[in-house]
Amino acid sequence: MKIEVNDQLISKLQNLALIELSPNEKERIKKDIKKILDFFDKLNELDLSNVEPLFHPISSGKLRKDEIQQPLSLDDALKNVKRKQDGYIIGPATYGE
């Protein structure tokens, strides 16, 4: 399925992400998304019928050690949030009004 990267898509993504983009940022993101989708289209052209699927994307399976860290305070967690109320993040409506 070919996705058309246009101003309407960028506006929708902007609304879903709850961010404001300048006209220059919108153009840059539009170009970046096109490049990413073109790359995936190239990958889809590859014949992978003789390639075994990997159990893990990192062949060595080495991941960082899971260490307990001090969590963010409520104020720190919400300091860059655009819409918040009573300590909660207000997201876009997903059903009804």
PDB file of N, CA and C in Angstrom:
ATOM      1  N   MET A   1       0.845  -1.171   0.000  1.00  0.00           N
ATOM      2  CA  MET A   1       0.000   0.000   0.000  1.00  0.00           C
ATOM      3  C   MET A   1       0.895   1.240   0.000  1.00  0.00           C
ATOM      4  N   LYS A   2       0.703   2.073  -0.964  1.00  0.00           N
ATOM      5  CA  LYS A   2       1.501   3.285  -1.097  1.00  0.00           C
ATOM      6  C   LYS A   2       0.859   4.410  -0.293  1.00  0.00           C
ATOM      7  N   ILE A   3       1.625   4.997   0.606  1.00  0.00           N
ATOM      8  CA  ILE A   3       1.145   6.104   1.429  1.00  0.00           C
ATOM      9  C   ILE A   3       1.547   7.409   0.758  1.00  0.00           C
ATOM     10  N   GLU A   4       0.570   8.286   0.561  1.00  0.00           N
ATOM     11  CA  GLU A   4       0.858   9.581  -0.029  1.00  0.00           C
ATOM     12  C   GLU A   4       1.244  10.555   1.070  1.00  0.00           C
ATOM     13  N   VAL A   5       2.459  11.075   0.976  1.00  0.00           N
ATOM     14  CA  VAL A   5       2.944  12.036   1.971  1.00  0.00           C
ATOM     15  C   VAL A   5       2.611  13.432   1.457  1.00  0.00           C
ATOM     16  N   ASN A   6       1.613  14.040   2.085  1.00  0.00           N
ATOM     17  CA  ASN A   6       1.171  15.369   1.666  1.00  0.00           C
ATOM     18  C   ASN A   6       0.920  16.235   2.902  1.00  0.00           C
ATOM     19  N   ASP A   7       0.485  17.457   2.664  1.00  0.00           N
ATOM     20  CA  ASP A   7       0.238  18.386   3.773  1.00  0.00           C
ATOM     21  C   ASP A   7      -0.837  17.863   4.726  1.00  0.00           C
ATOM     22  N   GLN A   8      -1.827  17.173   4.182  1.00  0.00           N
ATOM     23  CA  GLN A   8      -2.901  16.627   5.016  1.00  0.00           C
ATOM     24  C   GLN A   8      -2.346  15.589   5.989  1.00  0.00           C
ATOM     25  N   LEU A   9      -1.458  14.710   5.523  1.00  0.00           N
ATOM     26  CA  LEU A   9      -0.846  13.704   6.394  1.00  0.00           C
ATOM     27  C   LEU A   9      -0.007  14.373   7.482  1.00  0.00           C
ATOM     28  N   ILE A  10       0.775  15.373   7.108  1.00  0.00           N
ATOM     29  CA  ILE A  10       1.620  16.069   8.078  1.00  0.00           C
ATOM     30  C   ILE A  10       0.762  16.769   9.128  1.00  0.00           C
ATOM     31  N   SER A  11      -0.333  17.381   8.717  1.00  0.00           N
ATOM     32  CA  SER A  11      -1.240  18.029   9.671  1.00  0.00           C
ATOM     33  C   SER A  11      -1.858  17.018  10.623  1.00  0.00           C
ATOM     34  N   LYS A  12      -2.228  15.861  10.087  1.00  0.00           N
ATOM     35  CA  LYS A  12      -2.807  14.810  10.936  1.00  0.00           C
ATOM     36  C   LYS A  12      -1.780  14.328  11.962  1.00  0.00           C
ATOM     37  N   LEU A  13      -0.545  14.108  11.513  1.00  0.00           N
ATOM     38  CA  LEU A  13       0.516  13.675  12.428  1.00  0.00           C
ATOM     39  C   LEU A  13       0.793  14.742  13.482  1.00  0.00           C
ATOM     40  N   GLN A  14       0.771  15.994  13.067  1.00  0.00           N
ATOM     41  CA  GLN A  14       0.985  17.105  13.999  1.00  0.00           C
ATOM     42  C   GLN A  14      -0.095  17.097  15.081  1.00  0.00           C
ATOM     43  N   ASN A  15      -1.333  16.896  14.686  1.00  0.00           N
ATOM     44  CA  ASN A  15      -2.433  16.861  15.651  1.00  0.00           C
ATOM     45  C   ASN A  15      -2.333  15.660  16.573  1.00  0.00           C
ATOM     46  N   LEU A  16      -1.988  14.495  16.026  1.00  0.00           N
ATOM     47  CA  LEU A  16      -1.861  13.294  16.858  1.00  0.00           C
ATOM     48  C   LEU A  16      -0.727  13.424  17.868  1.00  0.00           C
ATOM     49  N   ALA A  17       0.351  14.087  17.464  1.00  0.00           N
ATOM     50  CA  ALA A  17       1.510  14.242  18.342  1.00  0.00           C
ATOM     51  C   ALA A  17       1.364  15.435  19.290  1.00  0.00           C
ATOM     52  N   LEU A  18       0.297  16.204  19.108  1.00  0.00           N
ATOM     53  CA  LEU A  18       0.055  17.392  19.937  1.00  0.00           C
ATOM     54  C   LEU A  18       1.238  18.356  19.905  1.00  0.00           C
ATOM     55  N   ILE A  19       1.737  18.615  18.687  1.00  0.00           N
ATOM     56  CA  ILE A  19       2.859  19.537  18.517  1.00  0.00           C
ATOM     57  C   ILE A  19       2.484  20.595  17.481  1.00  0.00           C
ATOM     58  N   GLU A  20       3.200  21.696  17.531  1.00  0.00           N
ATOM     59  CA  GLU A  20       3.047  22.763  16.545  1.00  0.00           C
ATOM     60  C   GLU A  20       4.304  22.785  15.688  1.00  0.00           C
ATOM     61  N   LEU A  21       4.135  22.763  14.390  1.00  0.00           N
ATOM     62  CA  LEU A  21       5.265  22.780  13.470  1.00  0.00           C
ATOM     63  C   LEU A  21       5.230  24.052  12.636  1.00  0.00           C
ATOM     64  N   SER A  22       6.409  24.619  12.426  1.00  0.00           N
ATOM     65  CA  SER A  22       6.514  25.771  11.536  1.00  0.00           C
ATOM     66  C   SER A  22       6.430  25.260  10.095  1.00  0.00           C
ATOM     67  N   PRO A  23       6.169  26.137   9.145  1.00  0.00           N
ATOM     68  CA  PRO A  23       6.133  25.702   7.734  1.00  0.00           C
ATOM     69  C   PRO A  23       7.433  25.018   7.296  1.00  0.00           C
ATOM     70  N   ASN A  24       8.576  25.521   7.769  1.00  0.00           N
ATOM     71  CA  ASN A  24       9.862  24.892   7.417  1.00  0.00           C
ATOM     72  C   ASN A  24       9.973  23.496   8.011  1.00  0.00           C
ATOM     73  N   GLU A  25       9.528  23.331   9.250  1.00  0.00           N
ATOM     74  CA  GLU A  25       9.567  22.022   9.894  1.00  0.00           C
ATOM     75  C   GLU A  25       8.648  21.039   9.182  1.00  0.00           C
ATOM     76  N   LYS A  26       7.486  21.513   8.755  1.00  0.00           N
ATOM     77  CA  LYS A  26       6.553  20.645   8.033  1.00  0.00           C
ATOM     78  C   LYS A  26       7.181  20.132   6.742  1.00  0.00           C
ATOM     79  N   GLU A  27       7.837  21.004   6.007  1.00  0.00           N
ATOM     80  CA  GLU A  27       8.482  20.593   4.754  1.00  0.00           C
ATOM     81  C   GLU A  27       9.609  19.603   5.013  1.00  0.00           C
ATOM     82  N   ARG A  28      10.403  19.868   6.052  1.00  0.00           N
ATOM     83  CA  ARG A  28      11.512  18.968   6.383  1.00  0.00           C
ATOM     84  C   ARG A  28      10.991  17.591   6.794  1.00  0.00           C
ATOM     85  N   ILE A  29       9.941  17.573   7.611  1.00  0.00           N
ATOM     86  CA  ILE A  29       9.374  16.294   8.044  1.00  0.00           C
ATOM     87  C   ILE A  29       8.759  15.556   6.868  1.00  0.00           C
ATOM     88  N   LYS A  30       8.112  16.297   5.979  1.00  0.00           N
ATOM     89  CA  LYS A  30       7.513  15.668   4.800  1.00  0.00           C
ATOM     90  C   LYS A  30       8.605  14.977   3.965  1.00  0.00           C
ATOM     91  N   LYS A  31       9.732  15.648   3.769  1.00  0.00           N
ATOM     92  CA  LYS A  31      10.841  15.051   3.014  1.00  0.00           C
ATOM     93  C   LYS A  31      11.407  13.832   3.735  1.00  0.00           C
ATOM     94  N   ASP A  32      11.560  13.934   5.060  1.00  0.00           N
ATOM     95  CA  ASP A  32      12.100  12.818   5.840  1.00  0.00           C
ATOM     96  C   ASP A  32      11.187  11.598   5.775  1.00  0.00           C
ATOM     97  N   ILE A  33       9.887  11.818   5.900  1.00  0.00           N
ATOM     98  CA  ILE A  33       8.938  10.701   5.851  1.00  0.00           C
ATOM     99  C   ILE A  33       8.959  10.052   4.470  1.00  0.00           C
ATOM    100  N   LYS A  34       9.046  10.864   3.423  1.00  0.00           N
ATOM    101  CA  LYS A  34       9.140  10.308   2.067  1.00  0.00           C
ATOM    102  C   LYS A  34      10.381   9.431   1.922  1.00  0.00           C
ATOM    103  N   LYS A  35      11.512   9.898   2.453  1.00  0.00           N
ATOM    104  CA  LYS A  35      12.751   9.114   2.372  1.00  0.00           C
ATOM    105  C   LYS A  35      12.604   7.783   3.114  1.00  0.00           C
ATOM    106  N   ILE A  36      11.995   7.829   4.287  1.00  0.00           N
ATOM    107  CA  ILE A  36      11.811   6.616   5.082  1.00  0.00           C
ATOM    108  C   ILE A  36      10.916   5.630   4.337  1.00  0.00           C
ATOM    109  N   LEU A  37       9.804   6.103   3.805  1.00  0.00           N
ATOM    110  CA  LEU A  37       8.888   5.221   3.093  1.00  0.00           C
ATOM    111  C   LEU A  37       9.510   4.674   1.813  1.00  0.00           C
ATOM    112  N   ASP A  38      10.301   5.497   1.120  1.00  0.00           N
ATOM    113  CA  ASP A  38      11.011   5.015  -0.076  1.00  0.00           C
ATOM    114  C   ASP A  38      12.001   3.912   0.291  1.00  0.00           C
ATOM    115  N   PHE A  39      12.662   4.055   1.435  1.00  0.00           N
ATOM    116  CA  PHE A  39      13.591   3.029   1.895  1.00  0.00           C
ATOM    117  C   PHE A  39      12.856   1.713   2.154  1.00  0.00           C
ATOM    118  N   PHE A  40      11.698   1.783   2.806  1.00  0.00           N
ATOM    119  CA  PHE A  40      10.919   0.569   3.058  1.00  0.00           C
ATOM    120  C   PHE A  40      10.415  -0.047   1.759  1.00  0.00           C
ATOM    121  N   ASP A  41      10.091   0.784   0.779  1.00  0.00           N
ATOM    122  CA  ASP A  41       9.696   0.249  -0.521  1.00  0.00           C
ATOM    123  C   ASP A  41      10.843  -0.536  -1.154  1.00  0.00           C
ATOM    124  N   LYS A  42      12.070  -0.019  -1.021  1.00  0.00           N
ATOM    125  CA  LYS A  42      13.237  -0.739  -1.539  1.00  0.00           C
ATOM    126  C   LYS A  42      13.420  -2.078  -0.817  1.00  0.00           C
ATOM    127  N   LEU A  43      13.226  -2.067   0.501  1.00  0.00           N
ATOM    128  CA  LEU A  43      13.335  -3.314   1.259  1.00  0.00           C
ATOM    129  C   LEU A  43      12.295  -4.333   0.807  1.00  0.00           C
ATOM    130  N   ASN A  44      11.106  -3.854   0.489  1.00  0.00           N
ATOM    131  CA  ASN A  44      10.045  -4.754   0.040  1.00  0.00           C
ATOM    132  C   ASN A  44      10.350  -5.403  -1.300  1.00  0.00           C
ATOM    133  N   GLU A  45      11.275  -4.817  -2.064  1.00  0.00           N
ATOM    134  CA  GLU A  45      11.657  -5.390  -3.359  1.00  0.00           C
ATOM    135  C   GLU A  45      12.608  -6.576  -3.214  1.00  0.00           C
ATOM    136  N   LEU A  46      13.211  -6.729  -2.050  1.00  0.00           N
ATOM    137  CA  LEU A  46      14.185  -7.802  -1.852  1.00  0.00           C
ATOM    138  C   LEU A  46      13.510  -9.162  -1.800  1.00  0.00           C
ATOM    139  N   ASP A  47      14.210 -10.164  -2.343  1.00  0.00           N
ATOM    140  CA  ASP A  47      13.736 -11.544  -2.267  1.00  0.00           C
ATOM    141  C   ASP A  47      14.304 -12.159  -0.995  1.00  0.00           C
ATOM    142  N   LEU A  48      13.459 -12.341  -0.013  1.00  0.00           N
ATOM    143  CA  LEU A  48      13.891 -12.879   1.273  1.00  0.00           C
ATOM    144  C   LEU A  48      13.365 -14.289   1.494  1.00  0.00           C
ATOM    145  N   SER A  49      12.981 -14.959   0.416  1.00  0.00           N
ATOM    146  CA  SER A  49      12.391 -16.288   0.551  1.00  0.00           C
ATOM    147  C   SER A  49      13.360 -17.306   1.135  1.00  0.00           C
ATOM    148  N   ASN A  50      14.673 -17.127   0.946  1.00  0.00           N
ATOM    149  CA  ASN A  50      15.661 -18.068   1.484  1.00  0.00           C
ATOM    150  C   ASN A  50      16.350 -17.565   2.746  1.00  0.00           C
ATOM    151  N   VAL A  51      15.798 -16.547   3.366  1.00  0.00           N
ATOM    152  CA  VAL A  51      16.407 -15.972   4.566  1.00  0.00           C
ATOM    153  C   VAL A  51      15.591 -16.406   5.779  1.00  0.00           C
ATOM    154  N   GLU A  52      16.274 -17.006   6.738  1.00  0.00           N
ATOM    155  CA  GLU A  52      15.613 -17.437   7.963  1.00  0.00           C
ATOM    156  C   GLU A  52      15.305 -16.222   8.839  1.00  0.00           C
ATOM    157  N   PRO A  53      14.128 -16.188   9.422  1.00  0.00           N
ATOM    158  CA  PRO A  53      13.825 -15.068  10.320  1.00  0.00           C
ATOM    159  C   PRO A  53      14.700 -15.126  11.570  1.00  0.00           C
ATOM    160  N   LEU A  54      15.024 -13.963  12.101  1.00  0.00           N
ATOM    161  CA  LEU A  54      15.824 -13.892  13.311  1.00  0.00           C
ATOM    162  C   LEU A  54      14.930 -13.949  14.539  1.00  0.00           C
ATOM    163  N   PHE A  55      15.428 -14.573  15.577  1.00  0.00           N
ATOM    164  CA  PHE A  55      14.701 -14.585  16.835  1.00  0.00           C
ATOM    165  C   PHE A  55      14.754 -13.208  17.473  1.00  0.00           C
ATOM    166  N   HIS A  56      15.884 -12.530  17.293  1.00  0.00           N
ATOM    167  CA  HIS A  56      16.104 -11.224  17.905  1.00  0.00           C
ATOM    168  C   HIS A  56      16.814 -10.342  16.890  1.00  0.00           C
ATOM    169  N   PRO A  57      16.444  -9.055  16.779  1.00  0.00           N
ATOM    170  CA  PRO A  57      17.085  -8.198  15.776  1.00  0.00           C
ATOM    171  C   PRO A  57      18.568  -7.950  16.024  1.00  0.00           C
ATOM    172  N   ILE A  58      19.009  -8.117  17.262  1.00  0.00           N
ATOM    173  CA  ILE A  58      20.425  -7.961  17.581  1.00  0.00           C
ATOM    174  C   ILE A  58      21.007  -9.370  17.687  1.00  0.00           C
ATOM    175  N   SER A  59      21.871  -9.721  16.753  1.00  0.00           N
ATOM    176  CA  SER A  59      22.332 -11.106  16.676  1.00  0.00           C
ATOM    177  C   SER A  59      23.013 -11.577  17.954  1.00  0.00           C
ATOM    178  N   SER A  60      23.744 -10.698  18.619  1.00  0.00           N
ATOM    179  CA  SER A  60      24.424 -11.113  19.838  1.00  0.00           C
ATOM    180  C   SER A  60      23.460 -11.191  21.014  1.00  0.00           C
ATOM    181  N   GLY A  61      22.312 -10.540  20.876  1.00  0.00           N
ATOM    182  CA  GLY A  61      21.325 -10.545  21.951  1.00  0.00           C
ATOM    183  C   GLY A  61      21.750  -9.734  23.164  1.00  0.00           C
ATOM    184  N   LYS A  62      22.799  -8.920  23.008  1.00  0.00           N
ATOM    185  CA  LYS A  62      23.289  -8.135  24.142  1.00  0.00           C
ATOM    186  C   LYS A  62      22.469  -6.868  24.303  1.00  0.00           C
ATOM    187  N   LEU A  63      21.885  -6.736  25.443  1.00  0.00           N
ATOM    188  CA  LEU A  63      21.141  -5.534  25.772  1.00  0.00           C
ATOM    189  C   LEU A  63      21.745  -4.925  27.026  1.00  0.00           C
ATOM    190  N   ARG A  64      21.421  -3.704  27.297  1.00  0.00           N
ATOM    191  CA  ARG A  64      21.952  -3.071  28.499  1.00  0.00           C
ATOM    192  C   ARG A  64      21.384  -3.769  29.733  1.00  0.00           C
ATOM    193  N   LYS A  65      22.109  -3.680  30.812  1.00  0.00           N
ATOM    194  CA  LYS A  65      21.650  -4.260  32.059  1.00  0.00           C
ATOM    195  C   LYS A  65      20.462  -3.455  32.574  1.00  0.00           C
ATOM    196  N   ASP A  66      19.446  -4.155  33.029  1.00  0.00           N
ATOM    197  CA  ASP A  66      18.263  -3.497  33.565  1.00  0.00           C
ATOM    198  C   ASP A  66      18.550  -3.097  35.003  1.00  0.00           C
ATOM    199  N   GLU A  67      18.703  -1.805  35.214  1.00  0.00           N
ATOM    200  CA  GLU A  67      19.036  -1.310  36.541  1.00  0.00           C
ATOM    201  C   GLU A  67      17.922  -0.409  37.055  1.00  0.00           C
ATOM    202  N   ILE A  68      17.633  -0.524  38.333  1.00  0.00           N
ATOM    203  CA  ILE A  68      16.621   0.323  38.952  1.00  0.00           C
ATOM    204  C   ILE A  68      17.160   1.745  39.044  1.00  0.00           C
ATOM    205  N   GLN A  69      16.338   2.697  38.590  1.00  0.00           N
ATOM    206  CA  GLN A  69      16.714   4.106  38.654  1.00  0.00           C
ATOM    207  C   GLN A  69      15.597   4.880  39.336  1.00  0.00           C
ATOM    208  N   GLN A  70      15.938   6.036  39.824  1.00  0.00           N
ATOM    209  CA  GLN A  70      14.959   6.904  40.458  1.00  0.00           C
ATOM    210  C   GLN A  70      13.978   7.397  39.390  1.00  0.00           C
ATOM    211  N   PRO A  71      12.664   7.224  39.592  1.00  0.00           N
ATOM    212  CA  PRO A  71      11.703   7.692  38.580  1.00  0.00           C
ATOM    213  C   PRO A  71      11.613   9.217  38.566  1.00  0.00           C
ATOM    214  N   LEU A  72      11.051   9.753  37.493  1.00  0.00           N
ATOM    215  CA  LEU A  72      10.838  11.195  37.407  1.00  0.00           C
ATOM    216  C   LEU A  72       9.791  11.629  38.414  1.00  0.00           C
ATOM    217  N   SER A  73       9.962  12.817  38.933  1.00  0.00           N
ATOM    218  CA  SER A  73       8.914  13.385  39.789  1.00  0.00           C
ATOM    219  C   SER A  73       7.743  13.765  38.879  1.00  0.00           C
ATOM    220  N   LEU A  74       6.573  13.952  39.449  1.00  0.00           N
ATOM    221  CA  LEU A  74       5.398  14.328  38.667  1.00  0.00           C
ATOM    222  C   LEU A  74       5.637  15.644  37.934  1.00  0.00           C
ATOM    223  N   ASP A  75       6.253  16.609  38.626  1.00  0.00           N
ATOM    224  CA  ASP A  75       6.530  17.902  37.988  1.00  0.00           C
ATOM    225  C   ASP A  75       7.482  17.750  36.807  1.00  0.00           C
ATOM    226  N   ASP A  76       8.544  16.950  36.970  1.00  0.00           N
ATOM    227  CA  ASP A  76       9.493  16.736  35.871  1.00  0.00           C
ATOM    228  C   ASP A  76       8.836  16.013  34.700  1.00  0.00           C
ATOM    229  N   ALA A  77       7.990  15.031  35.006  1.00  0.00           N
ATOM    230  CA  ALA A  77       7.334  14.265  33.949  1.00  0.00           C
ATOM    231  C   ALA A  77       6.365  15.127  33.143  1.00  0.00           C
ATOM    232  N   LEU A  78       5.773  16.119  33.772  1.00  0.00           N
ATOM    233  CA  LEU A  78       4.764  16.945  33.102  1.00  0.00           C
ATOM    234  C   LEU A  78       5.263  18.309  32.645  1.00  0.00           C
ATOM    235  N   LYS A  79       6.542  18.612  32.855  1.00  0.00           N
ATOM    236  CA  LYS A  79       7.002  19.972  32.574  1.00  0.00           C
ATOM    237  C   LYS A  79       6.944  20.358  31.095  1.00  0.00           C
ATOM    238  N   ASN A  80       7.036  19.406  30.161  1.00  0.00           N
ATOM    239  CA  ASN A  80       6.983  19.730  28.731  1.00  0.00           C
ATOM    240  C   ASN A  80       5.656  19.360  28.087  1.00  0.00           C
ATOM    241  N   VAL A  81       4.680  18.988  28.904  1.00  0.00           N
ATOM    242  CA  VAL A  81       3.382  18.581  28.377  1.00  0.00           C
ATOM    243  C   VAL A  81       2.545  19.811  28.078  1.00  0.00           C
ATOM    244  N   LYS A  82       1.969  19.834  26.890  1.00  0.00           N
ATOM    245  CA  LYS A  82       1.185  21.004  26.469  1.00  0.00           C
ATOM    246  C   LYS A  82      -0.163  21.055  27.183  1.00  0.00           C
ATOM    247  N   ARG A  83      -0.857  19.927  27.264  1.00  0.00           N
ATOM    248  CA  ARG A  83      -2.187  19.905  27.875  1.00  0.00           C
ATOM    249  C   ARG A  83      -2.195  18.934  29.044  1.00  0.00           C
ATOM    250  N   LYS A  84      -2.430  19.446  30.241  1.00  0.00           N
ATOM    251  CA  LYS A  84      -2.457  18.612  31.445  1.00  0.00           C
ATOM    252  C   LYS A  84      -3.519  19.130  32.391  1.00  0.00           C
ATOM    253  N   GLN A  85      -3.977  18.224  33.277  1.00  0.00           N
ATOM    254  CA  GLN A  85      -4.997  18.610  34.249  1.00  0.00           C
ATOM    255  C   GLN A  85      -4.907  17.663  35.436  1.00  0.00           C
ATOM    256  N   ASP A  86      -4.801  18.212  36.608  1.00  0.00           N
ATOM    257  CA  ASP A  86      -4.767  17.435  37.855  1.00  0.00           C
ATOM    258  C   ASP A  86      -3.713  16.325  37.833  1.00  0.00           C
ATOM    259  N   GLY A  87      -2.555  16.598  37.257  1.00  0.00           N
ATOM    260  CA  GLY A  87      -1.474  15.621  37.238  1.00  0.00           C
ATOM    261  C   GLY A  87      -1.569  14.585  36.140  1.00  0.00           C
ATOM    262  N   TYR A  88      -2.507  14.757  35.205  1.00  0.00           N
ATOM    263  CA  TYR A  88      -2.671  13.819  34.095  1.00  0.00           C
ATOM    264  C   TYR A  88      -2.440  14.532  32.774  1.00  0.00           C
ATOM    265  N   ILE A  89      -1.980  13.788  31.775  1.00  0.00           N
ATOM    266  CA  ILE A  89      -1.816  14.317  30.431  1.00  0.00           C
ATOM    267  C   ILE A  89      -3.153  14.215  29.723  1.00  0.00           C
ATOM    268  N   ILE A  90      -3.573  15.303  29.088  1.00  0.00           N
ATOM    269  CA  ILE A  90      -4.815  15.324  28.332  1.00  0.00           C
ATOM    270  C   ILE A  90      -4.467  15.064  26.873  1.00  0.00           C
ATOM    271  N   GLY A  91      -4.907  13.930  26.367  1.00  0.00           N
ATOM    272  CA  GLY A  91      -4.653  13.565  24.968  1.00  0.00           C
ATOM    273  C   GLY A  91      -5.842  13.899  24.101  1.00  0.00           C
ATOM    274  N   PRO A  92      -5.717  13.673  22.796  1.00  0.00           N
ATOM    275  CA  PRO A  92      -6.820  13.963  21.885  1.00  0.00           C
ATOM    276  C   PRO A  92      -7.964  12.990  22.104  1.00  0.00           C
ATOM    277  N   ALA A  93      -9.162  13.439  21.825  1.00  0.00           N
ATOM    278  CA  ALA A  93     -10.329  12.574  21.933  1.00  0.00           C
ATOM    279  C   ALA A  93     -10.216  11.482  20.874  1.00  0.00           C
ATOM    280  N   THR A  94     -10.517  10.263  21.253  1.00  0.00           N
ATOM    281  CA  THR A  94     -10.435   9.154  20.306  1.00  0.00           C
ATOM    282  C   THR A  94     -11.797   8.559  19.998  1.00  0.00           C
ATOM    283  N   TYR A  95     -12.806   8.934  20.771  1.00  0.00           N
ATOM    284  CA  TYR A  95     -14.138   8.396  20.535  1.00  0.00           C
ATOM    285  C   TYR A  95     -15.174   9.434  20.934  1.00  0.00           C
ATOM    286  N   GLY A  96     -16.096   9.688  20.063  1.00  0.00           N
ATOM    287  CA  GLY A  96     -17.177  10.620  20.396  1.00  0.00           C
ATOM    288  C   GLY A  96     -16.693  12.045  20.519  1.00  0.00           C
ATOM    289  N   GLU A  97     -17.399  12.791  21.329  1.00  0.00           N
ATOM    290  CA  GLU A  97     -17.040  14.205  21.488  1.00  0.00           C
ATOM    291  C   GLU A  97     -16.494  14.541  22.809  1.00  0.00           C
TER     292      GLU A  97
END
